[in-house]
Amino acid sequence: PAQFLLGRRLAHCSRDLLDPRWVMRPVS
């Protein structure tokens, strides 16, 4: 379950990092 939680968080972070609408938002 913990690995699933971490994987889903990272998946959403990756999607936002690749989304042009979020390009000006800091990575953190």
PDB file of all heavy atoms in Angstrom:
ATOM      1  N   PRO A   1       0.817  -1.221   0.000  1.00  0.00           N
ATOM      2  CA  PRO A   1       0.000   0.000   0.000  1.00  0.00           C
ATOM      3  C   PRO A   1       0.850   1.271   0.000  1.00  0.00           C
ATOM      4  O   PRO A   1       0.513   2.243  -0.684  1.00  0.00           O
ATOM      5  CB  PRO A   1      -0.821  -0.132   1.288  1.00  0.00           C
ATOM      6  CG  PRO A   1      -0.872  -1.580   1.578  1.00  0.00           C
ATOM      7  CD  PRO A   1       0.422  -2.144   1.080  1.00  0.00           C
ATOM      8  N   ALA A   2       1.952   1.268   0.774  1.00  0.00           N
ATOM      9  CA  ALA A   2       2.809   2.457   0.822  1.00  0.00           C
ATOM     10  C   ALA A   2       3.457   2.715  -0.535  1.00  0.00           C
ATOM     11  O   ALA A   2       3.593   3.878  -0.958  1.00  0.00           O
ATOM     12  CB  ALA A   2       3.876   2.284   1.908  1.00  0.00           C
ATOM     13  N   GLN A   3       3.870   1.654  -1.226  1.00  0.00           N
ATOM     14  CA  GLN A   3       4.453   1.826  -2.555  1.00  0.00           C
ATOM     15  C   GLN A   3       3.411   2.345  -3.545  1.00  0.00           C
ATOM     16  O   GLN A   3       3.720   3.170  -4.409  1.00  0.00           O
ATOM     17  CB  GLN A   3       5.033   0.498  -3.041  1.00  0.00           C
ATOM     18  CG  GLN A   3       6.293   0.076  -2.317  1.00  0.00           C
ATOM     19  CD  GLN A   3       6.685  -1.360  -2.632  1.00  0.00           C
ATOM     20  OE1 GLN A   3       5.856  -2.191  -3.029  1.00  0.00           O
ATOM     21  NE2 GLN A   3       7.965  -1.659  -2.473  1.00  0.00           N
ATOM     22  N   PHE A   4       2.180   1.866  -3.408  1.00  0.00           N
ATOM     23  CA  PHE A   4       1.103   2.360  -4.268  1.00  0.00           C
ATOM     24  C   PHE A   4       0.880   3.854  -4.036  1.00  0.00           C
ATOM     25  O   PHE A   4       0.754   4.635  -4.984  1.00  0.00           O
ATOM     26  CB  PHE A   4      -0.182   1.579  -3.996  1.00  0.00           C
ATOM     27  CG  PHE A   4      -1.368   2.070  -4.778  1.00  0.00           C
ATOM     28  CD1 PHE A   4      -1.529   1.714  -6.114  1.00  0.00           C
ATOM     29  CD2 PHE A   4      -2.324   2.896  -4.187  1.00  0.00           C
ATOM     30  CE1 PHE A   4      -2.628   2.169  -6.845  1.00  0.00           C
ATOM     31  CE2 PHE A   4      -3.419   3.357  -4.913  1.00  0.00           C
ATOM     32  CZ  PHE A   4      -3.563   2.992  -6.247  1.00  0.00           C
ATOM     33  N   LEU A   5       0.850   4.271  -2.756  1.00  0.00           N
ATOM     34  CA  LEU A   5       0.670   5.685  -2.418  1.00  0.00           C
ATOM     35  C   LEU A   5       1.786   6.538  -3.020  1.00  0.00           C
ATOM     36  O   LEU A   5       1.524   7.558  -3.670  1.00  0.00           O
ATOM     37  CB  LEU A   5       0.645   5.845  -0.894  1.00  0.00           C
ATOM     38  CG  LEU A   5       0.761   7.269  -0.333  1.00  0.00           C
ATOM     39  CD1 LEU A   5      -0.393   8.140  -0.813  1.00  0.00           C
ATOM     40  CD2 LEU A   5       0.808   7.234   1.197  1.00  0.00           C
ATOM     41  N   LEU A   6       3.038   6.117  -2.838  1.00  0.00           N
ATOM     42  CA  LEU A   6       4.158   6.889  -3.373  1.00  0.00           C
ATOM     43  C   LEU A   6       4.099   6.933  -4.893  1.00  0.00           C
ATOM     44  O   LEU A   6       4.304   7.989  -5.505  1.00  0.00           O
ATOM     45  CB  LEU A   6       5.475   6.265  -2.914  1.00  0.00           C
ATOM     46  CG  LEU A   6       6.752   6.933  -3.441  1.00  0.00           C
ATOM     47  CD1 LEU A   6       6.837   8.393  -2.991  1.00  0.00           C
ATOM     48  CD2 LEU A   6       7.992   6.155  -2.996  1.00  0.00           C
ATOM     49  N   GLY A   7       3.789   5.802  -5.523  1.00  0.00           N
ATOM     50  CA  GLY A   7       3.727   5.761  -6.973  1.00  0.00           C
ATOM     51  C   GLY A   7       2.661   6.682  -7.544  1.00  0.00           C
ATOM     52  O   GLY A   7       2.870   7.345  -8.562  1.00  0.00           O
ATOM     53  N   ARG A   8       1.504   6.746  -6.891  1.00  0.00           N
ATOM     54  CA  ARG A   8       0.440   7.621  -7.382  1.00  0.00           C
ATOM     55  C   ARG A   8       0.825   9.092  -7.209  1.00  0.00           C
ATOM     56  O   ARG A   8       0.537   9.925  -8.073  1.00  0.00           O
ATOM     57  CB  ARG A   8      -0.876   7.329  -6.641  1.00  0.00           C
ATOM     58  CG  ARG A   8      -1.408   5.929  -6.866  1.00  0.00           C
ATOM     59  CD  ARG A   8      -1.546   5.621  -8.352  1.00  0.00           C
ATOM     60  NE  ARG A   8      -2.457   6.539  -8.998  1.00  0.00           N
ATOM     61  CZ  ARG A   8      -2.339   6.939 -10.264  1.00  0.00           C
ATOM     62  NH1 ARG A   8      -1.335   6.524 -11.004  1.00  0.00           N
ATOM     63  NH2 ARG A   8      -3.226   7.762 -10.778  1.00  0.00           N
ATOM     64  N   ARG A   9       1.465   9.425  -6.074  1.00  0.00           N
ATOM     65  CA  ARG A   9       1.923  10.808  -5.901  1.00  0.00           C
ATOM     66  C   ARG A   9       2.930  11.198  -6.986  1.00  0.00           C
ATOM     67  O   ARG A   9       2.829  12.277  -7.592  1.00  0.00           O
ATOM     68  CB  ARG A   9       2.550  10.962  -4.510  1.00  0.00           C
ATOM     69  CG  ARG A   9       1.522  11.119  -3.396  1.00  0.00           C
ATOM     70  CD  ARG A   9       2.159  11.258  -2.042  1.00  0.00           C
ATOM     71  NE  ARG A   9       1.150  11.672  -1.069  1.00  0.00           N
ATOM     72  CZ  ARG A   9       1.227  11.438   0.228  1.00  0.00           C
ATOM     73  NH1 ARG A   9       2.283  10.787   0.726  1.00  0.00           N
ATOM     74  NH2 ARG A   9       0.265  11.855   1.043  1.00  0.00           N
ATOM     75  N   LEU A  10       3.881  10.318  -7.236  1.00  0.00           N
ATOM     76  CA  LEU A  10       4.897  10.618  -8.244  1.00  0.00           C
ATOM     77  C   LEU A  10       4.281  10.697  -9.639  1.00  0.00           C
ATOM     78  O   LEU A  10       4.694  11.520 -10.457  1.00  0.00           O
ATOM     79  CB  LEU A  10       5.999   9.562  -8.200  1.00  0.00           C
ATOM     80  CG  LEU A  10       6.887   9.609  -6.950  1.00  0.00           C
ATOM     81  CD1 LEU A  10       7.778   8.371  -6.894  1.00  0.00           C
ATOM     82  CD2 LEU A  10       7.753  10.874  -6.934  1.00  0.00           C
ATOM     83  N   ALA A  11       3.290   9.863  -9.908  1.00  0.00           N
ATOM     84  CA  ALA A  11       2.627   9.904 -11.227  1.00  0.00           C
ATOM     85  C   ALA A  11       1.961  11.258 -11.455  1.00  0.00           C
ATOM     86  O   ALA A  11       2.065  11.846 -12.536  1.00  0.00           O
ATOM     87  CB  ALA A  11       1.609   8.774 -11.328  1.00  0.00           C
ATOM     88  N   HIS A  12       1.267  11.769 -10.437  1.00  0.00           N
ATOM     89  CA  HIS A  12       0.609  13.070 -10.580  1.00  0.00           C
ATOM     90  C   HIS A  12       1.646  14.191 -10.688  1.00  0.00           C
ATOM     91  O   HIS A  12       1.445  15.149 -11.450  1.00  0.00           O
ATOM     92  CB  HIS A  12      -0.324  13.316  -9.402  1.00  0.00           C
ATOM     93  CG  HIS A  12      -1.618  12.567  -9.503  1.00  0.00           C
ATOM     94  ND1 HIS A  12      -2.654  12.978 -10.318  1.00  0.00           N
ATOM     95  CD2 HIS A  12      -2.048  11.436  -8.896  1.00  0.00           C
ATOM     96  CE1 HIS A  12      -3.664  12.132 -10.214  1.00  0.00           C
ATOM     97  NE2 HIS A  12      -3.325  11.184  -9.357  1.00  0.00           N
ATOM     98  N   CYS A  13       2.726  14.096  -9.942  1.00  0.00           N
ATOM     99  CA  CYS A  13       3.790  15.103 -10.051  1.00  0.00           C
ATOM    100  C   CYS A  13       4.379  15.111 -11.455  1.00  0.00           C
ATOM    101  O   CYS A  13       4.594  16.178 -12.047  1.00  0.00           O
ATOM    102  CB  CYS A  13       4.891  14.822  -9.026  1.00  0.00           C
ATOM    103  SG  CYS A  13       4.426  15.132  -7.310  1.00  0.00           S
ATOM    104  N   SER A  14       4.636  13.924 -12.001  1.00  0.00           N
ATOM    105  CA  SER A  14       5.173  13.842 -13.357  1.00  0.00           C
ATOM    106  C   SER A  14       4.222  14.480 -14.356  1.00  0.00           C
ATOM    107  O   SER A  14       4.644  15.244 -15.235  1.00  0.00           O
ATOM    108  CB  SER A  14       5.417  12.376 -13.720  1.00  0.00           C
ATOM    109  OG  SER A  14       5.722  12.246 -15.093  1.00  0.00           O
ATOM    110  N   ARG A  15       2.942  14.193 -14.216  1.00  0.00           N
ATOM    111  CA  ARG A  15       1.963  14.744 -15.155  1.00  0.00           C
ATOM    112  C   ARG A  15       1.949  16.267 -15.089  1.00  0.00           C
ATOM    113  O   ARG A  15       1.890  16.949 -16.131  1.00  0.00           O
ATOM    114  CB  ARG A  15       0.583  14.171 -14.846  1.00  0.00           C
ATOM    115  CG  ARG A  15      -0.469  14.507 -15.892  1.00  0.00           C
ATOM    116  CD  ARG A  15      -1.677  13.609 -15.749  1.00  0.00           C
ATOM    117  NE  ARG A  15      -2.288  13.737 -14.425  1.00  0.00           N
ATOM    118  CZ  ARG A  15      -3.218  12.896 -13.963  1.00  0.00           C
ATOM    119  NH1 ARG A  15      -3.597  11.874 -14.692  1.00  0.00           N
ATOM    120  NH2 ARG A  15      -3.749  13.076 -12.774  1.00  0.00           N
ATOM    121  N   ASP A  16       2.009  16.839 -13.885  1.00  0.00           N
ATOM    122  CA  ASP A  16       2.015  18.301 -13.766  1.00  0.00           C
ATOM    123  C   ASP A  16       3.312  18.903 -14.302  1.00  0.00           C
ATOM    124  O   ASP A  16       3.307  19.971 -14.915  1.00  0.00           O
ATOM    125  CB  ASP A  16       1.826  18.707 -12.302  1.00  0.00           C
ATOM    126  CG  ASP A  16       0.377  18.566 -11.851  1.00  0.00           C
ATOM    127  OD1 ASP A  16      -0.479  18.232 -12.696  1.00  0.00           O
ATOM    128  OD2 ASP A  16       0.105  18.769 -10.653  1.00  0.00           O
ATOM    129  N   LEU A  17       4.435  18.218 -14.065  1.00  0.00           N
ATOM    130  CA  LEU A  17       5.712  18.725 -14.564  1.00  0.00           C
ATOM    131  C   LEU A  17       5.751  18.752 -16.089  1.00  0.00           C
ATOM    132  O   LEU A  17       6.436  19.589 -16.685  1.00  0.00           O
ATOM    133  CB  LEU A  17       6.867  17.867 -14.030  1.00  0.00           C
ATOM    134  CG  LEU A  17       7.199  18.042 -12.545  1.00  0.00           C
ATOM    135  CD1 LEU A  17       8.082  16.898 -12.065  1.00  0.00           C
ATOM    136  CD2 LEU A  17       7.887  19.384 -12.292  1.00  0.00           C
ATOM    137  N   LEU A  18       5.024  17.842 -16.729  1.00  0.00           N
ATOM    138  CA  LEU A  18       4.994  17.782 -18.189  1.00  0.00           C
ATOM    139  C   LEU A  18       3.872  18.614 -18.794  1.00  0.00           C
ATOM    140  O   LEU A  18       3.765  18.718 -20.014  1.00  0.00           O
ATOM    141  CB  LEU A  18       4.842  16.320 -18.635  1.00  0.00           C
ATOM    142  CG  LEU A  18       5.966  15.369 -18.194  1.00  0.00           C
ATOM    143  CD1 LEU A  18       5.651  13.946 -18.639  1.00  0.00           C
ATOM    144  CD2 LEU A  18       7.309  15.810 -18.732  1.00  0.00           C
ATOM    145  N   ASP A  19       3.042  19.216 -17.948  1.00  0.00           N
ATOM    146  CA  ASP A  19       1.895  19.992 -18.406  1.00  0.00           C
ATOM    147  C   ASP A  19       2.315  21.450 -18.640  1.00  0.00           C
ATOM    148  O   ASP A  19       2.761  22.124 -17.711  1.00  0.00           O
ATOM    149  CB  ASP A  19       0.791  19.933 -17.343  1.00  0.00           C
ATOM    150  CG  ASP A  19      -0.523  20.538 -17.830  1.00  0.00           C
ATOM    151  OD1 ASP A  19      -0.491  21.396 -18.737  1.00  0.00           O
ATOM    152  OD2 ASP A  19      -1.568  20.166 -17.285  1.00  0.00           O
ATOM    153  N   PRO A  20       2.199  21.975 -19.877  1.00  0.00           N
ATOM    154  CA  PRO A  20       2.603  23.360 -20.151  1.00  0.00           C
ATOM    155  C   PRO A  20       1.902  24.377 -19.266  1.00  0.00           C
ATOM    156  O   PRO A  20       2.447  25.464 -19.009  1.00  0.00           O
ATOM    157  CB  PRO A  20       2.223  23.550 -21.626  1.00  0.00           C
ATOM    158  CG  PRO A  20       2.144  22.183 -22.200  1.00  0.00           C
ATOM    159  CD  PRO A  20       1.694  21.291 -21.079  1.00  0.00           C
ATOM    160  N   ARG A  21       0.710  24.057 -18.760  1.00  0.00           N
ATOM    161  CA  ARG A  21      -0.016  25.006 -17.914  1.00  0.00           C
ATOM    162  C   ARG A  21       0.675  25.227 -16.577  1.00  0.00           C
ATOM    163  O   ARG A  21       0.407  26.211 -15.883  1.00  0.00           O
ATOM    164  CB  ARG A  21      -1.447  24.508 -17.691  1.00  0.00           C
ATOM    165  CG  ARG A  21      -2.289  24.490 -18.958  1.00  0.00           C
ATOM    166  CD  ARG A  21      -3.619  23.815 -18.731  1.00  0.00           C
ATOM    167  NE  ARG A  21      -3.464  22.426 -18.314  1.00  0.00           N
ATOM    168  CZ  ARG A  21      -4.471  21.624 -18.027  1.00  0.00           C
ATOM    169  NH1 ARG A  21      -5.714  22.071 -18.101  1.00  0.00           N
ATOM    170  NH2 ARG A  21      -4.255  20.365 -17.668  1.00  0.00           N
ATOM    171  N   TRP A  22       1.568  24.296 -16.175  1.00  0.00           N
ATOM    172  CA  TRP A  22       2.263  24.401 -14.892  1.00  0.00           C
ATOM    173  C   TRP A  22       3.727  24.794 -15.042  1.00  0.00           C
ATOM    174  O   TRP A  22       4.494  24.736 -14.085  1.00  0.00           O
ATOM    175  CB  TRP A  22       2.170  23.058 -14.145  1.00  0.00           C
ATOM    176  CG  TRP A  22       0.814  22.790 -13.579  1.00  0.00           C
ATOM    177  CD1 TRP A  22      -0.287  22.340 -14.240  1.00  0.00           C
ATOM    178  CD2 TRP A  22       0.397  22.990 -12.224  1.00  0.00           C
ATOM    179  NE1 TRP A  22      -1.361  22.239 -13.388  1.00  0.00           N
ATOM    180  CE2 TRP A  22      -0.964  22.632 -12.141  1.00  0.00           C
ATOM    181  CE3 TRP A  22       1.054  23.435 -11.068  1.00  0.00           C
ATOM    182  CZ2 TRP A  22      -1.684  22.705 -10.955  1.00  0.00           C
ATOM    183  CZ3 TRP A  22       0.331  23.493  -9.892  1.00  0.00           C
ATOM    184  CH2 TRP A  22      -1.020  23.145  -9.838  1.00  0.00           C
ATOM    185  N   VAL A  23       4.115  25.217 -16.256  1.00  0.00           N
ATOM    186  CA  VAL A  23       5.532  25.419 -16.528  1.00  0.00           C
ATOM    187  C   VAL A  23       6.152  26.521 -15.667  1.00  0.00           C
ATOM    188  O   VAL A  23       7.356  26.490 -15.373  1.00  0.00           O
ATOM    189  CB  VAL A  23       5.740  25.712 -18.035  1.00  0.00           C
ATOM    190  CG1 VAL A  23       5.164  27.068 -18.409  1.00  0.00           C
ATOM    191  CG2 VAL A  23       7.202  25.606 -18.416  1.00  0.00           C
ATOM    192  N   MET A  24       5.361  27.497 -15.221  1.00  0.00           N
ATOM    193  CA  MET A  24       5.909  28.590 -14.415  1.00  0.00           C
ATOM    194  C   MET A  24       5.854  28.307 -12.914  1.00  0.00           C
ATOM    195  O   MET A  24       6.341  29.099 -12.118  1.00  0.00           O
ATOM    196  CB  MET A  24       5.161  29.894 -14.723  1.00  0.00           C
ATOM    197  CG  MET A  24       5.227  30.328 -16.178  1.00  0.00           C
ATOM    198  SD  MET A  24       6.928  30.435 -16.797  1.00  0.00           S
ATOM    199  CE  MET A  24       7.537  31.803 -15.806  1.00  0.00           C
ATOM    200  N   ARG A  25       5.265  27.186 -12.522  1.00  0.00           N
ATOM    201  CA  ARG A  25       5.181  26.861 -11.098  1.00  0.00           C
ATOM    202  C   ARG A  25       6.477  26.197 -10.641  1.00  0.00           C
ATOM    203  O   ARG A  25       7.037  25.349 -11.350  1.00  0.00           O
ATOM    204  CB  ARG A  25       4.017  25.905 -10.835  1.00  0.00           C
ATOM    205  CG  ARG A  25       2.665  26.450 -11.257  1.00  0.00           C
ATOM    206  CD  ARG A  25       2.243  27.628 -10.388  1.00  0.00           C
ATOM    207  NE  ARG A  25       0.917  28.118 -10.756  1.00  0.00           N
ATOM    208  CZ  ARG A  25      -0.209  27.718 -10.187  1.00  0.00           C
ATOM    209  NH1 ARG A  25      -0.168  26.814  -9.215  1.00  0.00           N
ATOM    210  NH2 ARG A  25      -1.365  28.193 -10.575  1.00  0.00           N
ATOM    211  N   PRO A  26       6.994  26.531  -9.463  1.00  0.00           N
ATOM    212  CA  PRO A  26       8.217  25.888  -8.958  1.00  0.00           C
ATOM    213  C   PRO A  26       8.013  24.382  -8.812  1.00  0.00           C
ATOM    214  O   PRO A  26       6.909  23.908  -8.503  1.00  0.00           O
ATOM    215  CB  PRO A  26       8.438  26.551  -7.597  1.00  0.00           C
ATOM    216  CG  PRO A  26       7.662  27.830  -7.654  1.00  0.00           C
ATOM    217  CD  PRO A  26       6.494  27.578  -8.547  1.00  0.00           C
ATOM    218  N   VAL A  27       9.099  23.645  -9.024  1.00  0.00           N
ATOM    219  CA  VAL A  27       9.050  22.186  -8.893  1.00  0.00           C
ATOM    220  C   VAL A  27       8.570  21.791  -7.498  1.00  0.00           C
ATOM    221  O   VAL A  27       7.747  20.882  -7.337  1.00  0.00           O
ATOM    222  CB  VAL A  27      10.439  21.588  -9.188  1.00  0.00           C
ATOM    223  CG1 VAL A  27      10.535  20.147  -8.714  1.00  0.00           C
ATOM    224  CG2 VAL A  27      10.738  21.677 -10.680  1.00  0.00           C
ATOM    225  N   SER A  28       9.077  22.462  -6.473  1.00  0.00           N
ATOM    226  CA  SER A  28       8.701  22.108  -5.111  1.00  0.00           C
ATOM    227  C   SER A  28       7.208  22.303  -4.869  1.00  0.00           C
ATOM    228  O   SER A  28       6.580  21.530  -4.125  1.00  0.00           O
ATOM    229  CB  SER A  28       9.509  22.926  -4.101  1.00  0.00           C
ATOM    230  OG  SER A  28       9.301  24.317  -4.313  1.00  0.00           O
TER     231      SER A  28
END
